[in-house]
Amino acid sequence: MNRQQKTFQSLPPAVLVRTLAEARRATAAAQRHECPVLLLTEPGAQARLGPGYLLEMVHQAGAARALLDCGGDAGTAMLALRLGWRDLHLGGAADTVARVAAMAEAAGCCFHANLPAAFDLSACGPVDEPLVEWLALHGSN
C-alpha cells in the first residue's frame, strides 16, 4: 500500500464548505454526533479568498482538520505550506505536482494527489440529517 492510499484510509469524511457559517455548521454537527470531519475548501476559493483567509476560517470554525484545494496553482500551494496548512491538494503538471508534494512532505504536510469524495453542505438545506448520515457512513473507514 503506498503512502497516498494510507492517507485516504485515515481521512475523516470530507465536507465541502464555502463560508465560515458552513464550516461552523459542519464542525458543530460532527462534534454533536462525535464524528470526525475534514473540511474541504471549494474549488477556486484559494484564488478568490487566499490561503490565509481560508486557514483563519477553518480555525474559527474549530476544525481539527481541513484540506486546501489549490487547484493548479503551485504558488498558492507553497504559500499555504508557509502559512501552516497541514493538508493540501494540487493538480497540474506532473513535475510541478511532484516538486510541491516533496516540499509538503518535507514540511510535515499531508499532500493529496486526489481529492476525497465530499458532502456538499450547500446542497442539503437547513436540515443537518443528510450531513450527519454522511459523517456516520463515511467515518468508518
C-alpha atoms as a PDB file:
ATOM      1  CA  MET A   1       0.000   0.000   0.000  1.00  0.00           C
ATOM      2  CA  ASN A   2       1.503   3.345  -0.992  1.00  0.00           C
ATOM      3  CA  ARG A   3       1.578   6.495   1.129  1.00  0.00           C
ATOM      4  CA  GLN A   4      -1.364   8.102  -0.709  1.00  0.00           C
ATOM      5  CA  GLN A   5      -3.593   5.078  -0.089  1.00  0.00           C
ATOM      6  CA  LYS A   6      -2.721   5.147   3.612  1.00  0.00           C
ATOM      7  CA  THR A   7      -3.617   8.840   3.675  1.00  0.00           C
ATOM      8  CA  PHE A   8      -7.052   8.283   2.167  1.00  0.00           C
ATOM      9  CA  GLN A   9      -7.817   5.422   4.526  1.00  0.00           C
ATOM     10  CA  SER A  10      -7.026   7.636   7.506  1.00  0.00           C
ATOM     11  CA  LEU A  11      -9.046  10.639   6.315  1.00  0.00           C
ATOM     12  CA  PRO A  12     -12.203  11.591   8.167  1.00  0.00           C
ATOM     13  CA  PRO A  13     -15.293  12.124   5.992  1.00  0.00           C
ATOM     14  CA  ALA A  14     -14.950  15.295   3.921  1.00  0.00           C
ATOM     15  CA  VAL A  15     -17.435  18.149   3.783  1.00  0.00           C
ATOM     16  CA  LEU A  16     -17.163  20.841   1.107  1.00  0.00           C
ATOM     17  CA  VAL A  17     -17.515  24.282   2.706  1.00  0.00           C
ATOM     18  CA  ARG A  18     -17.719  27.722   1.129  1.00  0.00           C
ATOM     19  CA  THR A  19     -18.209  30.052   4.091  1.00  0.00           C
ATOM     20  CA  LEU A  20     -17.399  30.381   7.762  1.00  0.00           C
ATOM     21  CA  ALA A  21     -21.047  29.625   8.564  1.00  0.00           C
ATOM     22  CA  GLU A  22     -20.866  26.348   6.614  1.00  0.00           C
ATOM     23  CA  ALA A  23     -17.549  25.445   8.233  1.00  0.00           C
ATOM     24  CA  ARG A  24     -19.009  26.083  11.694  1.00  0.00           C
ATOM     25  CA  ARG A  25     -22.119  24.105  10.847  1.00  0.00           C
ATOM     26  CA  ALA A  26     -20.135  21.078   9.656  1.00  0.00           C
ATOM     27  CA  THR A  27     -17.806  21.192  12.646  1.00  0.00           C
ATOM     28  CA  ALA A  28     -20.665  21.610  15.126  1.00  0.00           C
ATOM     29  CA  ALA A  29     -22.640  18.715  13.621  1.00  0.00           C
ATOM     30  CA  ALA A  30     -19.564  16.488  13.748  1.00  0.00           C
ATOM     31  CA  GLN A  31     -18.896  17.419  17.379  1.00  0.00           C
ATOM     32  CA  ARG A  32     -22.535  16.889  18.426  1.00  0.00           C
ATOM     33  CA  HIS A  33     -22.508  13.415  16.939  1.00  0.00           C
ATOM     34  CA  GLU A  34     -18.911  12.642  17.959  1.00  0.00           C
ATOM     35  CA  CYS A  35     -17.834  12.119  14.342  1.00  0.00           C
ATOM     36  CA  PRO A  36     -14.573  13.311  12.843  1.00  0.00           C
ATOM     37  CA  VAL A  37     -14.768  15.665   9.866  1.00  0.00           C
ATOM     38  CA  LEU A  38     -12.406  17.024   7.215  1.00  0.00           C
ATOM     39  CA  LEU A  39     -13.361  20.443   5.903  1.00  0.00           C
ATOM     40  CA  LEU A  40     -12.595  20.766   2.181  1.00  0.00           C
ATOM     41  CA  THR A  41     -12.331  24.192   0.576  1.00  0.00           C
ATOM     42  CA  GLU A  42     -14.347  24.713  -2.569  1.00  0.00           C
ATOM     43  CA  PRO A  43     -12.610  24.767  -5.962  1.00  0.00           C
ATOM     44  CA  GLY A  44     -11.323  28.256  -6.736  1.00  0.00           C
ATOM     45  CA  ALA A  45     -11.606  29.548  -3.170  1.00  0.00           C
ATOM     46  CA  GLN A  46      -7.828  29.777  -2.832  1.00  0.00           C
ATOM     47  CA  ALA A  47      -7.675  32.221  -5.761  1.00  0.00           C
ATOM     48  CA  ARG A  48     -10.677  34.254  -4.654  1.00  0.00           C
ATOM     49  CA  LEU A  49     -10.056  34.393  -0.893  1.00  0.00           C
ATOM     50  CA  GLY A  50      -6.453  33.303  -0.397  1.00  0.00           C
ATOM     51  CA  PRO A  51      -4.990  30.522   1.744  1.00  0.00           C
ATOM     52  CA  GLY A  52      -4.509  32.811   4.752  1.00  0.00           C
ATOM     53  CA  TYR A  53      -8.177  33.766   4.896  1.00  0.00           C
ATOM     54  CA  LEU A  54      -9.254  30.148   4.412  1.00  0.00           C
ATOM     55  CA  LEU A  55      -6.910  28.956   7.162  1.00  0.00           C
ATOM     56  CA  GLU A  56      -8.371  31.519   9.563  1.00  0.00           C
ATOM     57  CA  MET A  57     -11.875  30.448   8.514  1.00  0.00           C
ATOM     58  CA  VAL A  58     -11.257  26.804   9.421  1.00  0.00           C
ATOM     59  CA  HIS A  59      -9.553  27.825  12.688  1.00  0.00           C
ATOM     60  CA  GLN A  60     -12.544  29.975  13.655  1.00  0.00           C
ATOM     61  CA  ALA A  61     -14.832  27.060  12.842  1.00  0.00           C
ATOM     62  CA  GLY A  62     -12.892  24.918  15.310  1.00  0.00           C
ATOM     63  CA  ALA A  63     -11.960  22.340  12.680  1.00  0.00           C
ATOM     64  CA  ALA A  64      -9.422  19.740  13.705  1.00  0.00           C
ATOM     65  CA  ARG A  65      -8.552  19.073  10.075  1.00  0.00           C
ATOM     66  CA  ALA A  66      -9.054  20.873   6.755  1.00  0.00           C
ATOM     67  CA  LEU A  67      -7.859  20.313   3.206  1.00  0.00           C
ATOM     68  CA  LEU A  68      -6.985  23.225   0.921  1.00  0.00           C
ATOM     69  CA  ASP A  69      -7.748  22.629  -2.750  1.00  0.00           C
ATOM     70  CA  CYS A  70      -5.063  24.684  -4.502  1.00  0.00           C
ATOM     71  CA  GLY A  71      -6.391  23.894  -7.967  1.00  0.00           C
ATOM     72  CA  GLY A  72      -3.429  24.085 -10.324  1.00  0.00           C
ATOM     73  CA  ASP A  73      -1.706  26.995  -8.558  1.00  0.00           C
ATOM     74  CA  ALA A  74       1.681  25.845  -7.242  1.00  0.00           C
ATOM     75  CA  GLY A  75       2.425  29.306  -5.845  1.00  0.00           C
ATOM     76  CA  THR A  76      -0.682  29.148  -3.682  1.00  0.00           C
ATOM     77  CA  ALA A  77       0.307  25.668  -2.504  1.00  0.00           C
ATOM     78  CA  MET A  78       3.771  26.882  -1.468  1.00  0.00           C
ATOM     79  CA  LEU A  79       2.269  29.901   0.314  1.00  0.00           C
ATOM     80  CA  ALA A  80      -0.203  27.599   2.076  1.00  0.00           C
ATOM     81  CA  LEU A  81       2.689  25.493   3.362  1.00  0.00           C
ATOM     82  CA  ARG A  82       4.364  28.610   4.781  1.00  0.00           C
ATOM     83  CA  LEU A  83       1.095  29.678   6.421  1.00  0.00           C
ATOM     84  CA  GLY A  84       0.674  26.354   8.195  1.00  0.00           C
ATOM     85  CA  TRP A  85      -1.807  24.348   6.141  1.00  0.00           C
ATOM     86  CA  ARG A  86      -1.376  20.648   7.013  1.00  0.00           C
ATOM     87  CA  ASP A  87      -3.422  19.107   4.154  1.00  0.00           C
ATOM     88  CA  LEU A  88      -3.045  20.249   0.537  1.00  0.00           C
ATOM     89  CA  HIS A  89      -4.175  19.216  -2.918  1.00  0.00           C
ATOM     90  CA  LEU A  90      -2.562  20.479  -6.112  1.00  0.00           C
ATOM     91  CA  GLY A  91      -3.357  19.496  -9.671  1.00  0.00           C
ATOM     92  CA  GLY A  92      -1.494  20.361 -12.844  1.00  0.00           C
ATOM     93  CA  ALA A  93       1.735  19.320 -14.498  1.00  0.00           C
ATOM     94  CA  ALA A  94       3.128  16.119 -13.013  1.00  0.00           C
ATOM     95  CA  ASP A  95       6.642  17.504 -12.462  1.00  0.00           C
ATOM     96  CA  THR A  96       5.339  20.575 -10.637  1.00  0.00           C
ATOM     97  CA  VAL A  97       2.968  18.485  -8.533  1.00  0.00           C
ATOM     98  CA  ALA A  98       5.829  16.123  -7.631  1.00  0.00           C
ATOM     99  CA  ARG A  99       8.056  19.027  -6.534  1.00  0.00           C
ATOM    100  CA  VAL A 100       5.318  20.587  -4.397  1.00  0.00           C
ATOM    101  CA  ALA A 101       4.423  17.182  -2.952  1.00  0.00           C
ATOM    102  CA  ALA A 102       8.068  16.722  -1.923  1.00  0.00           C
ATOM    103  CA  MET A 103       8.094  20.174  -0.294  1.00  0.00           C
ATOM    104  CA  ALA A 104       4.849  19.367   1.511  1.00  0.00           C
ATOM    105  CA  GLU A 105       6.216  16.087   2.803  1.00  0.00           C
ATOM    106  CA  ALA A 106       9.422  17.792   3.960  1.00  0.00           C
ATOM    107  CA  ALA A 107       7.291  20.337   5.849  1.00  0.00           C
ATOM    108  CA  GLY A 108       5.314  17.565   7.548  1.00  0.00           C
ATOM    109  CA  CYS A 109       2.232  18.302   5.483  1.00  0.00           C
ATOM    110  CA  CYS A 110      -0.095  15.673   4.042  1.00  0.00           C
ATOM    111  CA  PHE A 111      -0.175  16.075   0.256  1.00  0.00           C
ATOM    112  CA  HIS A 112      -3.251  14.710  -1.514  1.00  0.00           C
ATOM    113  CA  ALA A 113      -2.766  13.771  -5.171  1.00  0.00           C
ATOM    114  CA  ASN A 114      -6.551  13.297  -5.411  1.00  0.00           C
ATOM    115  CA  LEU A 115      -9.412  14.945  -3.607  1.00  0.00           C
ATOM    116  CA  PRO A 116     -11.624  12.741  -1.440  1.00  0.00           C
ATOM    117  CA  ALA A 117     -15.332  12.419  -2.111  1.00  0.00           C
ATOM    118  CA  ALA A 118     -17.051  15.186  -0.166  1.00  0.00           C
ATOM    119  CA  PHE A 119     -20.517  16.052   1.048  1.00  0.00           C
ATOM    120  CA  ASP A 120     -21.651  19.389  -0.429  1.00  0.00           C
ATOM    121  CA  LEU A 121     -23.132  21.184   2.548  1.00  0.00           C
ATOM    122  CA  SER A 122     -24.835  23.827   0.399  1.00  0.00           C
ATOM    123  CA  ALA A 123     -26.964  21.108  -1.216  1.00  0.00           C
ATOM    124  CA  CYS A 124     -28.569  19.817   1.996  1.00  0.00           C
ATOM    125  CA  GLY A 125     -30.582  22.870   3.030  1.00  0.00           C
ATOM    126  CA  PRO A 126     -31.153  23.835   6.659  1.00  0.00           C
ATOM    127  CA  VAL A 127     -31.540  20.274   7.978  1.00  0.00           C
ATOM    128  CA  ASP A 128     -28.391  18.512   9.222  1.00  0.00           C
ATOM    129  CA  GLU A 129     -29.699  14.931   8.884  1.00  0.00           C
ATOM    130  CA  PRO A 130     -28.092  14.292   5.465  1.00  0.00           C
ATOM    131  CA  LEU A 131     -24.787  15.674   6.773  1.00  0.00           C
ATOM    132  CA  VAL A 132     -24.903  13.512   9.889  1.00  0.00           C
ATOM    133  CA  GLU A 133     -25.722  10.445   7.779  1.00  0.00           C
ATOM    134  CA  TRP A 134     -22.724  11.223   5.515  1.00  0.00           C
ATOM    135  CA  LEU A 135     -20.418  11.608   8.511  1.00  0.00           C
ATOM    136  CA  ALA A 136     -21.629   8.365  10.071  1.00  0.00           C
ATOM    137  CA  LEU A 137     -21.461   6.388   6.822  1.00  0.00           C
ATOM    138  CA  HIS A 138     -18.045   7.625   5.728  1.00  0.00           C
ATOM    139  CA  GLY A 139     -16.479   7.885   9.159  1.00  0.00           C
ATOM    140  CA  SER A 140     -15.965   4.143   9.463  1.00  0.00           C
ATOM    141  CA  ASN A 141     -13.012   3.861   7.003  1.00  0.00           C
END
